[in-house]
Every structure is written in structure tokens, then in C-alpha cells.
Amino acid sequence: MKTELLTFLVLASLGYRCQATDYFSSISGLEQLLHTEHTLMSELSSQLDATRNTLKQLESEVTAIKLEHAMAAKGLENYLTNPINIYRLMKRLHTDWQQMERRVQQMSTQIRFNITQHYGLNFPSQEDVDGAALALVRLQSTYKLDVAQVAAGILNGIKYGTDMSWQDCFVLGQQLFEMEDYNNTKVWLRESMERLRRHQQPQHQDHSAPEPTILNSMEMVAKSLFQMGDFDTAYELSQRVLELDPSRIRNWHLSAKAANVVQGEIGEVAQSRHADGGYRLTQEFAHYEKVCRGEVSASAAQQRPLRCRYARGQHAYRVLAPLKLEEHSLDPLVVSYHDMLSPQQIIELRQMAVPHMKRSTVNPLPGRQSKKSAFRVSKNAWLEYDTHPMMGRMLRDLSDATGLDMTYCEQLQVANYGVGGHYEPHWDFFVDSQHYPAEEGNRIATAIFYLSDVEQGGATAFPFLNFAVRPQLGNILFWYNLHRSLDMDYRTKHAGCPVLKGSKWIANIWIHEATQTFARPCDVIRDNEVSLGYDIIE
């Protein structure tokens, strides 16, 4: 059936028509028929060979995907908390399956394989794929990961999953190039070429050339890198293109004028990106990344040595059931209360939040709408405290521990940070008084309930205090955002470090200053001078 179908396609492609030319009446005319049959045979053989190769490639790719799903079935959460697995999954669904669809359609118009007709299935958008790419780069940058190790599925020395293919690395490099992240473009393209070189060595059986679309992309990126002045990477990439398809040498005759024009345009883009790099190019941000990596020691300037101890809190009940308190800083006060939520309570809380989860946004300027930002990558849900009795108990326990009045506190915010999810350094207090009701006051304190452990990354970092607190299931991290004078304590700038491996779940309670007069009275002397100067970004 396939042969008949292909024969029909060949005849159609050659414009086959039956004509009454009386070939039987003369030997001289049969020579033309023999030539026709030779042409048909050659064309059909060529298409059959191409079909076999395509089927072989498709079978190989489907087998590889089956192995991925078998690995995922052994531990779904473990699989989906690996940033490499997430990127490759999104790339397959956004790009690879469409390419396979085109190859199947090219083999036969009668094979019905149209992914757009599969209703009810979810596919990542370009924004999702770009987000996964940026997450990989963010993790690579923050934790100083070797690109070759990341591509091999190794994160901080631990092997979590399968390797990225050379095509995976190339598509990632191409994405970064389109996003104008040229420094990371180079390292991923070079890793792609190194993997392609190993792929073509004699011990590998599959020597099939990449699809023309891949070669076109490689050629385009190489030319762009050349025009930018990155001659080393451009030369290496162009050599790979010509090794795979020597006939493409004809495409490399660019006029000097065109090259100069493009080079000037890209140079302007690079300069503008450098000028707009902003906070991520500062020493402060570089120091924050060091804190996330654990490369700095906590400040020693404390009133006394830090300790772990039992605390009675502010309720008589805690004499019988004392709190497990761990001190991280005395000024400003930053402490952890251990084992404040049971695993069952955490399960219930997460289940209540999941149906309401939406992409997290950043606080806008007064009068403007909240918006998504790469500054904060997570999802969250807001829950009323009367949703479940357990949430009321959370408020009561927090009040017992801190002595603060919970009359004015914001709704419980449950947030989930996936792989690469983060929240760059920020303050929890509002700098502009228009952000909060005057009768409630500013955010005097923050409490983070950790609803999960995180295998790697995801710590809450305090860059100015030189320490980071790792999430620990059931714990509460608590600190004051304001001085006793109710001035803003700029030393409390903190961040959610990128999640390297795992899924970070937290619940936030922000307590406001109104009604705290007797719970945390002012000192005789104003105490805000110690934090002045920390609001300047260096």
C-alpha cells in the first residue's frame, strides 16, 4: 500500500499524464519509455530511502521519549523538579513534536497526524519555553554551574536525569540569542558543537544529518555572531554547518557593507542592553548570588552568640509546650520556629491553594496594575483565614510565638516556586505609604511558613546580613521589617534564591503595625540610624 501511494505521489510530482503516442508501433519510441521508467524508479527509490531514514529517525526519537516517560513514572515529582527535564519537555512539546508532524506528513498525505486536532491537551507557549530557558541560565549563573555538567544532567555534582542532546543545547543557544543574551549564547552554542562532534565520532551509529531547518538556524546564528564580532564562535559554528552540508559554502558570500550595517545595529542593541542591565549588574546583586551559594559568613556583630533554645512565647500554654526557636540574627531580629505545622496540615493547605494559583506579580506604582516580571517567578493564591479552622490556628500560634496582634494582617498567601523559580532581593515593607491603608499601617513583620523541603537551592537569603535560611518543612521564618520607631529597616532586604532542584512551597503572613503599640512599644531613643545607607544600590 505504501509503495502504491508513493508511486502515485511520484507520478503526481512529475506531472504524469497518459497520452496516446503509439509507442508499440515502433522500437524507436520505446527508448523514451525506458528512460521514463528509469526516472520513476530512481525517484521512487530515493523517496523510499528517505522514508526509511525518516521512519528510523522517528522511531529512535519516540524510543528516547518513551525512556524519558519510563524514568518519570518511577518518580514523577523527582522528574518534574529537574530543570533540565522541564526545559526538554517544553522544547519537545513546543518544537520537536511539530517537526515530527511535518516529517510524517511529508511521508504520506494519507497519514493523519495533526497535533492541532488533539483537543484537551496542553502545550507550552513560546513564553513557557523562553521561561524554561531563562531558568536554566539563572541557575547556571547563580550557582556557578558548569554548562557541560548542566547539559549532562548534573546539578552541583549530582546526576539527576538524561543528557541534553546537541540539538537541545543549540535550540537553547538560539533562544538566548533571540533574547539578546549573547554571553550565554556563546557557551551553549559551544556546548552544542562539542556534543555534535562527539555524536559524529565512529562509535556512534547514527550519522544522519540534521534537518535543513536546523542547518538553516545554525547558519543564521553563525552569520549573526560573525556580524557581531564574535569570530571564534561564528567560525566554529560555520565549520560544523559546512561539515554537515558542504554545498552551503555558497551562502557565505556576504557583502562587507551589509556586514558593517548589521554589526552596527547589533552593537547598538548590546550597548542599550548593558545600559539597561540595571540591578543585576550591580555588586549588590553579585553579593546576593554569593549568599545563595553559601560563599559568605554571617555577620559576627551580634549582642551575644546566636543559639537554638526553647522559648515560652507569649502564652501560658507554651510553658508546657515550648517553642523550638533558632536565632539567625538579633539585630534585626530574624528567627525560625521549628515544627509549627504537621505534614497533614501542610497537605490540606496546599490542596486548598492549588485551584486558585495564578502567576505572581510585583507591586506596581500607585495607580497602576500589577504585572508579571522576571524579577519574581512563581505562582500564588490568596486565602481568607476563615476558609479552614487550621488557618485560624496558624494565626494564633504566630501570635503566641511573637506576641504581636493579628487584627491587621493580610490574607494568607500560598506560593509555589518551581525549578528556577525565584524572587530577587526586595523589602517587604512599602516604601510608598499609598500602598497600604493608613489605619492599618505598614508591614511591621513577615512570617514565612515553609510548606516543603527543597533538595537544592530555594533558600531565603538576607544579603546585607550575609546568611540564607534553607526551607524546612513545617518551620516558620520570622523577622521584623520595621524598627521599633516604625522607620523602615533597610537591612531586611531579602530574596528567594532560585530553586535548583525541587519544588518550594511557602505561605506568607504580613502583619501590619496598627494595634502593635503595647506588643512592641517604641524605645526612648529612635533606633533607625543603624540601617540608614542600606537603601543605596551599589
Protein backbone atom coordinates (compact mmCIF):
# COMPACT_ATOMS: atom_id res chain seq x y z
CA MET A 1 0.00 0.00 0.00
CA LYS A 2 2.82 2.40 0.93
CA THR A 3 4.66 1.64 -2.34
CA GLU A 4 1.50 2.28 -4.38
CA LEU A 5 0.91 5.50 -2.52
CA LEU A 6 4.49 6.68 -3.04
CA THR A 7 4.31 5.75 -6.73
CA PHE A 8 1.19 7.86 -7.03
CA LEU A 9 2.95 10.77 -5.30
CA VAL A 10 5.94 10.44 -7.63
CA LEU A 11 3.78 10.37 -10.71
CA ALA A 12 1.84 13.37 -9.45
CA SER A 13 5.03 15.25 -8.70
CA LEU A 14 6.34 14.58 -12.21
CA GLY A 15 3.14 15.79 -13.79
CA TYR A 16 2.32 12.27 -15.12
CA ARG A 17 -0.20 12.23 -17.97
CA CYS A 18 -1.42 9.33 -20.20
CA GLN A 19 -1.00 10.19 -23.83
CA ALA A 20 -1.80 8.11 -26.96
CA THR A 21 1.55 8.18 -28.72
CA ASP A 22 1.52 4.61 -30.25
CA TYR A 23 4.82 3.55 -28.69
CA PHE A 24 4.06 -0.12 -29.54
CA SER A 25 4.22 0.57 -33.25
CA SER A 26 7.92 1.40 -33.32
CA ILE A 27 11.04 0.34 -31.47
CA SER A 28 12.47 3.84 -31.59
CA GLY A 29 9.76 5.18 -29.31
CA LEU A 30 10.33 2.56 -26.58
CA GLU A 31 13.65 4.13 -25.66
CA GLN A 32 11.75 7.10 -24.24
CA LEU A 33 9.60 4.77 -22.15
CA LEU A 34 12.68 3.08 -20.77
CA HIS A 35 14.04 6.46 -19.81
CA THR A 36 10.72 7.31 -18.16
CA GLU A 37 10.76 4.09 -16.14
CA HIS A 38 14.37 4.69 -15.11
CA THR A 39 13.40 8.17 -13.88
CA LEU A 40 10.40 6.82 -11.95
CA MET A 41 12.48 4.02 -10.45
CA SER A 42 15.20 6.44 -9.33
CA GLU A 43 12.70 8.87 -7.85
CA LEU A 44 10.75 6.13 -6.08
CA SER A 45 13.92 4.51 -4.71
CA SER A 46 15.08 7.87 -3.45
CA GLN A 47 11.77 8.52 -1.70
CA LEU A 48 11.71 5.01 -0.22
CA ASP A 49 15.21 5.51 1.15
CA ALA A 50 14.21 8.88 2.56
CA THR A 51 11.09 7.33 4.10
CA ARG A 52 13.12 4.55 5.72
CA ASN A 53 15.56 7.08 7.16
CA THR A 54 12.73 9.26 8.40
CA LEU A 55 10.99 6.28 9.98
CA LYS A 56 14.24 5.21 11.57
CA GLN A 57 14.81 8.68 12.99
CA LEU A 58 11.22 8.92 14.22
CA GLU A 59 11.45 5.50 15.84
CA SER A 60 14.69 6.49 17.54
CA GLU A 61 13.20 9.75 18.83
CA VAL A 62 9.99 8.08 20.06
CA THR A 63 12.05 5.41 21.83
CA ALA A 64 14.04 8.12 23.58
CA ILE A 65 10.82 9.85 24.67
CA LYS A 66 9.45 6.53 25.95
CA LEU A 67 12.55 6.13 28.08
CA GLU A 68 12.01 9.65 29.46
CA HIS A 69 8.41 8.76 30.41
CA ALA A 70 9.53 5.49 31.98
CA MET A 71 12.02 7.46 34.07
CA ALA A 72 9.32 9.97 35.01
CA ALA A 73 6.96 7.16 36.07
CA LYS A 74 9.50 5.98 38.64
CA GLY A 75 9.23 9.29 40.47
CA LEU A 76 7.03 12.00 38.97
CA GLU A 77 7.87 14.76 41.45
CA ASN A 78 11.57 13.98 41.28
CA TYR A 79 11.44 14.09 37.48
CA LEU A 80 9.46 17.34 37.25
CA THR A 81 11.70 19.18 39.71
CA ASN A 82 14.71 18.78 37.45
CA PRO A 83 15.28 21.98 35.43
CA ILE A 84 16.81 20.07 32.53
CA ASN A 85 13.83 17.73 32.29
CA ILE A 86 11.44 20.69 32.36
CA TYR A 87 13.29 22.52 29.59
CA ARG A 88 13.49 19.42 27.39
CA LEU A 89 9.79 18.60 27.97
CA MET A 90 8.75 22.10 26.94
CA LYS A 91 11.09 22.07 23.95
CA ARG A 92 9.69 18.71 22.78
CA LEU A 93 6.08 19.83 23.06
CA HIS A 94 6.70 23.27 21.57
CA THR A 95 9.15 22.35 18.80
CA ASP A 96 10.08 18.68 18.36
CA TRP A 97 6.57 17.26 18.03
CA GLN A 98 5.72 19.80 15.34
CA GLN A 99 8.85 18.79 13.44
CA MET A 100 7.84 15.12 13.73
CA GLU A 101 4.39 16.04 12.48
CA ARG A 102 5.89 17.69 9.39
CA ARG A 103 8.08 14.66 8.70
CA VAL A 104 5.12 12.29 8.96
CA GLN A 105 3.05 14.49 6.66
CA GLN A 106 5.90 14.59 4.17
CA MET A 107 5.99 10.77 4.07
CA SER A 108 2.39 10.46 3.08
CA THR A 109 -0.58 12.77 2.74
CA GLN A 110 -2.83 9.89 3.81
CA ILE A 111 -1.22 9.55 7.24
CA ARG A 112 -3.38 11.61 9.56
CA PHE A 113 -1.24 13.13 12.30
CA ASN A 114 -2.25 16.62 13.27
CA ILE A 115 -1.39 17.76 16.78
CA THR A 116 -3.67 20.79 16.49
CA GLN A 117 -6.71 18.47 16.37
CA HIS A 118 -5.94 16.93 19.75
CA TYR A 119 -8.43 18.87 21.84
CA GLY A 120 -7.96 18.99 25.59
CA LEU A 121 -4.19 18.62 25.52
CA ASN A 122 -1.93 21.28 26.94
CA PHE A 123 1.01 22.68 25.04
CA PRO A 124 3.57 25.22 26.26
CA SER A 125 3.62 28.64 24.69
CA GLN A 126 6.74 30.39 23.45
CA GLU A 127 6.72 32.30 26.72
CA ASP A 128 6.89 28.98 28.60
CA VAL A 129 9.81 27.73 26.54
CA ASP A 130 11.64 31.04 26.96
CA GLY A 131 10.92 30.94 30.67
CA ALA A 132 12.38 27.46 31.00
CA ALA A 133 15.48 28.60 29.08
CA LEU A 134 15.91 31.63 31.34
CA ALA A 135 15.51 29.40 34.41
CA LEU A 136 18.40 27.23 33.26
CA VAL A 137 20.58 30.28 32.65
CA ARG A 138 19.56 31.79 36.01
CA LEU A 139 20.55 28.62 37.84
CA GLN A 140 23.78 28.39 35.87
CA SER A 141 24.66 31.98 36.78
CA THR A 142 23.53 32.00 40.42
CA TYR A 143 25.15 28.72 41.42
CA LYS A 144 28.15 28.94 39.07
CA LEU A 145 27.25 25.69 37.33
CA ASP A 146 29.43 24.32 34.55
CA VAL A 147 27.47 24.31 31.27
CA ALA A 148 28.80 20.88 30.28
CA GLN A 149 27.65 19.50 33.64
CA VAL A 150 24.19 21.05 33.30
CA ALA A 151 23.84 19.62 29.78
CA ALA A 152 24.83 16.22 31.19
CA GLY A 153 22.01 16.40 33.75
CA ILE A 154 24.40 17.03 36.65
CA LEU A 155 23.49 19.74 39.16
CA ASN A 156 26.09 20.53 41.82
CA GLY A 157 27.75 17.17 41.31
CA ILE A 158 24.55 15.08 41.43
CA LYS A 159 23.28 13.27 38.33
CA TYR A 160 19.52 13.72 38.11
CA GLY A 161 18.48 12.83 34.57
CA THR A 162 19.37 12.18 30.95
CA ASP A 163 21.76 14.31 28.94
CA MET A 164 20.66 17.12 26.70
CA SER A 165 21.23 16.40 23.02
CA TRP A 166 23.31 18.69 20.85
CA GLN A 167 20.05 19.92 19.30
CA ASP A 168 18.68 20.75 22.78
CA CYS A 169 21.78 22.83 23.53
CA PHE A 170 21.66 24.53 20.13
CA VAL A 171 17.97 25.48 20.41
CA LEU A 172 18.67 26.86 23.89
CA GLY A 173 21.57 28.90 22.50
CA GLN A 174 19.37 30.14 19.67
CA GLN A 175 16.66 31.18 22.15
CA LEU A 176 19.20 33.09 24.22
CA PHE A 177 20.49 34.76 21.06
CA GLU A 178 16.98 35.91 20.17
CA MET A 179 16.60 37.22 23.73
CA GLU A 180 19.89 39.12 23.21
CA ASP A 181 21.68 37.25 26.00
CA TYR A 182 24.86 36.99 23.94
CA ASN A 183 27.27 35.84 26.65
CA ASN A 184 25.20 32.77 27.48
CA THR A 185 24.50 32.22 23.78
CA LYS A 186 28.19 31.54 23.18
CA VAL A 187 28.65 28.95 25.93
CA TRP A 188 25.57 26.97 24.96
CA LEU A 189 26.41 27.03 21.25
CA ARG A 190 29.91 25.79 22.01
CA GLU A 191 28.48 23.01 24.17
CA SER A 192 26.14 22.13 21.31
CA MET A 193 29.03 21.90 18.84
CA GLU A 194 31.07 19.79 21.25
CA ARG A 195 28.18 17.38 21.64
CA LEU A 196 27.68 17.29 17.87
CA ARG A 197 31.37 16.48 17.43
CA ARG A 198 31.11 13.55 19.86
CA HIS A 199 27.86 12.47 18.22
CA GLN A 200 29.62 12.11 14.87
CA GLN A 201 32.53 10.04 16.16
CA PRO A 202 32.92 6.48 14.80
CA GLN A 203 31.48 4.76 17.89
CA HIS A 204 28.11 6.41 17.23
CA GLN A 205 25.97 4.54 14.74
CA ASP A 206 23.63 7.39 13.82
CA HIS A 207 25.41 9.67 11.34
CA SER A 208 22.26 11.17 9.84
CA ALA A 209 22.50 14.86 9.01
CA PRO A 210 20.25 17.33 10.84
CA GLU A 211 17.11 18.57 9.17
CA PRO A 212 17.52 21.52 6.79
CA THR A 213 15.62 23.72 9.26
CA ILE A 214 18.26 23.02 11.92
CA LEU A 215 21.06 23.75 9.44
CA ASN A 216 19.32 26.97 8.41
CA SER A 217 19.13 28.03 12.06
CA MET A 218 22.77 27.15 12.67
CA GLU A 219 23.78 29.14 9.61
CA MET A 220 21.70 32.15 10.62
CA VAL A 221 23.11 32.24 14.16
CA ALA A 222 26.67 31.81 12.87
CA LYS A 223 26.29 34.74 10.49
CA SER A 224 24.81 36.91 13.24
CA LEU A 225 27.66 36.07 15.60
CA PHE A 226 30.13 36.89 12.84
CA GLN A 227 28.49 40.24 12.25
CA MET A 228 28.61 40.95 16.00
CA GLY A 229 32.35 40.39 16.01
CA ASP A 230 32.34 37.05 17.86
CA PHE A 231 34.51 35.44 15.19
CA ASP A 232 35.64 32.40 17.21
CA THR A 233 32.14 31.11 17.96
CA ALA A 234 30.90 32.04 14.49
CA TYR A 235 33.80 30.21 12.82
CA GLU A 236 33.29 27.08 14.93
CA LEU A 237 29.57 27.02 14.19
CA SER A 238 30.03 27.69 10.47
CA GLN A 239 32.57 24.87 10.22
CA ARG A 240 30.02 22.47 11.67
CA VAL A 241 27.43 23.65 9.15
CA LEU A 242 29.81 23.09 6.24
CA GLU A 243 30.85 19.67 7.56
CA LEU A 244 27.20 18.62 7.57
CA ASP A 245 26.39 20.22 4.21
CA PRO A 246 29.41 21.39 2.15
CA SER A 247 27.14 22.84 -0.54
CA ARG A 248 26.21 25.67 1.85
CA ILE A 249 29.54 27.35 1.15
CA ARG A 250 27.67 29.34 -1.48
CA ASN A 251 25.57 31.01 1.24
CA TRP A 252 28.58 32.65 2.90
CA HIS A 253 29.22 35.49 0.48
CA LEU A 254 28.06 38.49 2.47
CA SER A 255 28.98 41.91 1.29
CA ALA A 256 31.19 43.93 3.61
CA LYS A 257 28.66 46.75 3.52
CA ALA A 258 25.81 44.53 4.74
CA ALA A 259 28.01 43.06 7.46
CA ASN A 260 29.02 46.51 8.69
CA VAL A 261 25.41 47.71 8.79
CA VAL A 262 24.22 44.70 10.79
CA GLN A 263 27.25 44.85 13.07
CA GLY A 264 26.47 48.47 13.87
CA GLU A 265 22.82 47.69 14.63
CA ILE A 266 23.69 44.79 16.94
CA GLY A 267 26.37 46.86 18.63
CA GLU A 268 23.74 49.46 19.49
CA VAL A 269 21.46 46.76 20.90
CA ALA A 270 24.30 45.39 23.03
CA GLN A 271 25.10 48.85 24.36
CA SER A 272 21.48 49.53 25.23
CA ARG A 273 21.18 46.17 26.99
CA HIS A 274 24.28 46.95 29.03
CA ALA A 275 22.87 50.34 29.94
CA ASP A 276 19.53 48.78 30.93
CA GLY A 277 21.08 45.84 32.77
CA GLY A 278 20.37 47.68 35.98
CA TYR A 279 20.27 45.86 39.26
CA ARG A 280 21.58 42.51 38.00
CA LEU A 281 24.88 44.16 37.04
CA THR A 282 25.50 45.68 40.49
CA GLN A 283 27.90 44.47 43.16
CA GLU A 284 24.91 44.10 45.47
CA PHE A 285 23.29 41.55 43.17
CA ALA A 286 26.58 39.67 42.78
CA HIS A 287 26.84 39.54 46.57
CA TYR A 288 23.28 38.21 46.82
CA GLU A 289 24.25 35.34 44.50
CA LYS A 290 27.24 34.59 46.73
CA VAL A 291 24.90 34.38 49.73
CA CYS A 292 22.69 31.94 47.80
CA ARG A 293 25.78 29.81 47.08
CA GLY A 294 26.84 29.91 50.73
CA GLU A 295 30.15 31.61 49.96
CA VAL A 296 29.89 34.24 52.71
CA SER A 297 29.83 34.02 56.51
CA ALA A 298 27.13 35.58 58.65
CA SER A 299 27.96 38.88 60.28
CA ALA A 300 29.61 38.42 63.68
CA ALA A 301 28.50 41.78 65.10
CA GLN A 302 25.79 40.44 67.45
CA GLN A 303 24.98 41.38 71.02
CA ARG A 304 25.74 37.80 72.04
CA PRO A 305 26.37 34.44 70.36
CA LEU A 306 23.42 33.06 68.41
CA ARG A 307 21.78 29.96 69.80
CA CYS A 308 18.97 27.44 69.46
CA ARG A 309 16.69 27.29 72.51
CA TYR A 310 13.25 26.60 73.85
CA ALA A 311 11.04 29.69 74.12
CA ARG A 312 7.84 30.21 76.09
CA GLY A 313 6.40 32.76 73.72
CA GLN A 314 3.56 34.95 74.98
CA HIS A 315 1.04 32.34 76.13
CA ALA A 316 0.91 30.31 79.31
CA TYR A 317 0.30 27.14 77.30
CA ARG A 318 3.84 27.40 75.96
CA VAL A 319 5.22 26.68 79.42
CA LEU A 320 4.05 23.10 78.86
CA ALA A 321 4.68 23.07 75.09
CA PRO A 322 7.65 25.40 74.49
CA LEU A 323 8.61 26.60 71.04
CA LYS A 324 11.78 25.42 69.31
CA LEU A 325 13.48 28.70 68.40
CA GLU A 326 16.58 29.15 66.26
CA GLU A 327 18.24 32.57 66.12
CA HIS A 328 19.67 33.80 62.82
CA SER A 329 20.13 37.47 63.73
CA LEU A 330 19.47 39.56 66.85
CA ASP A 331 19.53 43.00 65.22
CA PRO A 332 17.43 42.98 63.15
CA LEU A 333 15.63 40.05 64.73
CA VAL A 334 15.40 37.06 62.38
CA VAL A 335 14.41 33.71 63.90
CA SER A 336 12.98 30.32 62.95
CA TYR A 337 10.31 28.42 64.86
CA HIS A 338 10.64 24.69 64.19
CA ASP A 339 7.85 22.13 63.72
CA MET A 340 4.94 24.58 63.73
CA LEU A 341 2.87 22.74 61.11
CA SER A 342 2.29 19.00 60.72
CA PRO A 343 2.67 17.25 57.35
CA GLN A 344 -1.10 16.63 57.24
CA GLN A 345 -1.87 20.32 57.82
CA ILE A 346 0.54 21.24 55.05
CA ILE A 347 -1.10 18.81 52.62
CA GLU A 348 -4.53 20.32 53.34
CA LEU A 349 -3.22 23.87 52.95
CA ARG A 350 -1.62 23.15 49.59
CA GLN A 351 -4.75 21.38 48.36
CA MET A 352 -6.86 24.44 49.23
CA ALA A 353 -4.48 26.75 47.38
CA VAL A 354 -3.92 24.80 44.15
CA PRO A 355 -7.28 25.64 42.46
CA HIS A 356 -6.62 29.37 42.95
CA MET A 357 -2.96 29.56 41.89
CA LYS A 358 -2.02 32.35 39.47
CA ARG A 359 1.25 33.79 38.24
CA SER A 360 2.80 36.01 40.91
CA THR A 361 3.08 39.71 40.18
CA VAL A 362 5.12 42.58 41.61
CA ASN A 363 3.64 45.56 43.44
CA PRO A 364 3.05 48.35 40.94
CA LEU A 365 3.42 52.05 41.36
CA PRO A 366 0.30 53.70 42.83
CA GLY A 367 -2.47 53.86 40.27
CA ARG A 368 -1.05 51.12 38.06
CA GLN A 369 -1.96 47.47 37.65
CA SER A 370 0.14 44.59 38.98
CA LYS A 371 2.23 42.92 36.30
CA LYS A 372 4.28 39.81 35.70
CA SER A 373 8.04 40.19 35.88
CA ALA A 374 11.19 38.10 35.57
CA PHE A 375 12.02 39.71 38.94
CA ARG A 376 9.62 37.20 40.53
CA VAL A 377 8.90 33.78 39.02
CA SER A 378 6.30 31.79 40.97
CA LYS A 379 2.57 31.22 41.36
CA ASN A 380 0.46 32.12 44.36
CA ALA A 381 -3.03 32.08 45.81
CA TRP A 382 -4.64 34.28 48.46
CA LEU A 383 -6.78 32.55 51.09
CA GLU A 384 -9.12 34.02 53.71
CA TYR A 385 -8.38 32.86 57.25
CA ASP A 386 -11.95 31.67 57.75
CA THR A 387 -11.55 29.22 54.84
CA HIS A 388 -10.43 26.50 57.25
CA PRO A 389 -10.06 26.32 61.07
CA MET A 390 -6.40 25.34 60.63
CA MET A 391 -5.63 28.77 59.17
CA GLY A 392 -7.04 30.45 62.26
CA ARG A 393 -4.77 28.23 64.38
CA MET A 394 -1.79 29.38 62.28
CA LEU A 395 -2.56 32.98 63.26
CA ARG A 396 -2.99 32.02 66.90
CA ASP A 397 0.31 30.12 67.03
CA LEU A 398 2.11 33.01 65.35
CA SER A 399 0.66 35.42 67.88
CA ASP A 400 1.69 33.12 70.75
CA ALA A 401 5.24 32.98 69.43
CA THR A 402 5.76 36.67 68.67
CA GLY A 403 3.32 38.46 70.94
CA LEU A 404 2.03 40.51 68.01
CA ASP A 405 -1.62 41.37 67.46
CA MET A 406 -3.09 39.73 64.35
CA THR A 407 -6.00 42.12 63.87
CA TYR A 408 -4.43 43.72 60.81
CA CYS A 409 -2.62 41.15 58.69
CA GLU A 410 -3.01 40.41 55.02
CA GLN A 411 -4.69 37.30 53.68
CA LEU A 412 -2.59 34.15 53.73
CA GLN A 413 -0.55 33.96 50.54
CA VAL A 414 0.41 30.44 49.48
CA ALA A 415 3.17 30.44 46.85
CA ASN A 416 4.92 27.79 44.81
CA TYR A 417 8.33 28.24 43.19
CA GLY A 418 9.15 25.65 40.55
CA VAL A 419 12.59 24.79 39.25
CA GLY A 420 14.44 28.05 38.65
CA GLY A 421 11.67 29.98 40.43
CA HIS A 422 12.96 32.90 42.46
CA TYR A 423 12.23 36.32 43.93
CA GLU A 424 15.04 38.83 43.54
CA PRO A 425 16.15 40.96 46.55
CA HIS A 426 13.38 43.21 47.85
CA TRP A 427 11.90 44.68 51.01
CA ASP A 428 8.55 43.55 52.38
CA PHE A 429 7.67 46.95 53.80
CA PHE A 430 6.10 49.50 51.48
CA VAL A 431 8.32 52.47 50.66
CA ASP A 432 5.31 54.46 49.43
CA SER A 433 2.55 54.99 52.01
CA GLN A 434 -0.06 54.91 49.23
CA HIS A 435 0.39 51.13 49.04
CA TYR A 436 -1.30 50.44 52.38
CA PRO A 437 -4.35 51.79 54.28
CA ALA A 438 -3.37 54.48 56.76
CA GLU A 439 -5.47 52.87 59.51
CA GLU A 440 -3.51 49.60 59.21
CA GLY A 441 -0.01 50.99 58.79
CA ASN A 442 3.00 49.43 57.10
CA ARG A 443 4.13 45.80 57.28
CA ILE A 444 5.84 45.56 60.65
CA ALA A 445 6.78 41.88 60.35
CA THR A 446 6.86 38.91 57.98
CA ALA A 447 6.27 35.24 58.72
CA ILE A 448 7.07 32.57 56.13
CA PHE A 449 5.62 29.12 56.75
CA TYR A 450 7.69 26.55 54.86
CA LEU A 451 5.33 24.00 53.30
CA SER A 452 8.05 21.83 51.74
CA ASP A 453 11.69 20.93 51.88
CA VAL A 454 13.82 21.84 48.86
CA GLU A 455 16.53 19.49 47.68
CA GLN A 456 18.85 22.18 46.30
CA GLY A 457 18.53 25.97 46.25
CA GLY A 458 15.44 27.93 47.22
CA ALA A 459 16.87 29.45 50.40
CA THR A 460 15.62 32.75 51.82
CA ALA A 461 18.68 34.99 51.58
CA PHE A 462 19.46 38.18 53.51
CA PRO A 463 22.33 39.75 51.50
CA PHE A 464 23.03 42.60 53.96
CA LEU A 465 23.14 40.14 56.87
CA ASN A 466 25.24 37.58 54.99
CA PHE A 467 23.17 34.47 55.62
CA ALA A 468 20.47 32.36 53.99
CA VAL A 469 17.86 30.10 55.60
CA ARG A 470 17.06 26.81 53.85
CA PRO A 471 13.38 25.82 53.67
CA GLN A 472 12.49 23.15 56.22
CA LEU A 473 9.07 21.51 56.22
CA GLY A 474 6.82 22.85 58.99
CA ASN A 475 9.08 25.72 60.11
CA ILE A 476 8.27 29.43 60.34
CA LEU A 477 10.84 32.09 59.45
CA PHE A 478 10.00 35.36 61.20
CA TRP A 479 11.56 38.83 61.15
CA TYR A 480 10.71 42.48 61.73
CA ASN A 481 10.64 44.78 58.71
CA LEU A 482 10.45 47.99 60.76
CA HIS A 483 12.44 49.41 63.63
CA ARG A 484 10.68 49.98 66.94
CA SER A 485 10.40 53.59 65.83
CA LEU A 486 8.37 52.24 62.85
CA ASP A 487 11.02 53.51 60.43
CA MET A 488 11.91 51.13 57.61
CA ASP A 489 14.75 48.73 58.39
CA TYR A 490 16.63 48.59 55.09
CA ARG A 491 18.86 45.80 56.37
CA THR A 492 15.94 43.35 55.95
CA LYS A 493 16.23 43.21 52.17
CA HIS A 494 15.81 39.53 51.33
CA ALA A 495 15.27 37.21 48.38
CA GLY A 496 14.07 33.79 47.39
CA CYS A 497 17.13 32.13 45.84
CA PRO A 498 16.44 30.19 42.60
CA VAL A 499 15.19 26.65 43.17
CA LEU A 500 17.84 24.36 41.71
CA LYS A 501 16.16 21.01 42.39
CA GLY A 502 12.78 20.52 43.98
CA SER A 503 9.55 22.44 44.41
CA LYS A 504 9.37 25.19 47.00
CA TRP A 505 6.05 25.82 48.77
CA ILE A 506 5.61 28.63 51.29
CA ALA A 507 2.80 30.52 53.00
CA ASN A 508 3.32 34.21 53.82
CA ILE A 509 1.69 36.28 56.54
CA TRP A 510 2.40 40.01 56.58
CA ILE A 511 1.50 41.70 59.88
CA HIS A 512 0.77 45.42 59.93
CA GLU A 513 1.84 47.96 62.54
CA ALA A 514 -1.56 49.15 63.75
CA THR A 515 -2.57 47.78 67.20
CA GLN A 516 1.05 46.80 67.99
CA THR A 517 1.63 49.72 70.39
CA PHE A 518 1.82 47.54 73.50
CA ALA A 519 3.06 44.39 71.78
CA ARG A 520 6.19 46.16 70.51
CA PRO A 521 6.48 49.64 72.05
CA CYS A 522 8.94 52.25 70.82
CA ASP A 523 12.26 52.82 72.56
CA VAL A 524 13.07 56.11 74.23
CA ILE A 525 15.69 56.82 71.55
CA ARG A 526 14.91 56.47 67.85
CA ASP A 527 16.67 53.36 66.55
CA ASN A 528 16.67 53.70 62.77
CA GLU A 529 20.12 55.21 62.18
CA VAL A 530 21.82 51.81 62.08
CA SER A 531 20.04 50.86 58.84
CA LEU A 532 20.41 54.16 57.00
CA GLY A 533 22.53 53.79 53.89
CA TYR A 534 21.37 50.24 53.11
CA ASP A 535 18.78 51.62 50.71
CA ILE A 536 21.51 52.60 48.23
CA ILE A 537 22.22 50.07 45.47
CA GLU A 538 25.91 49.66 44.67
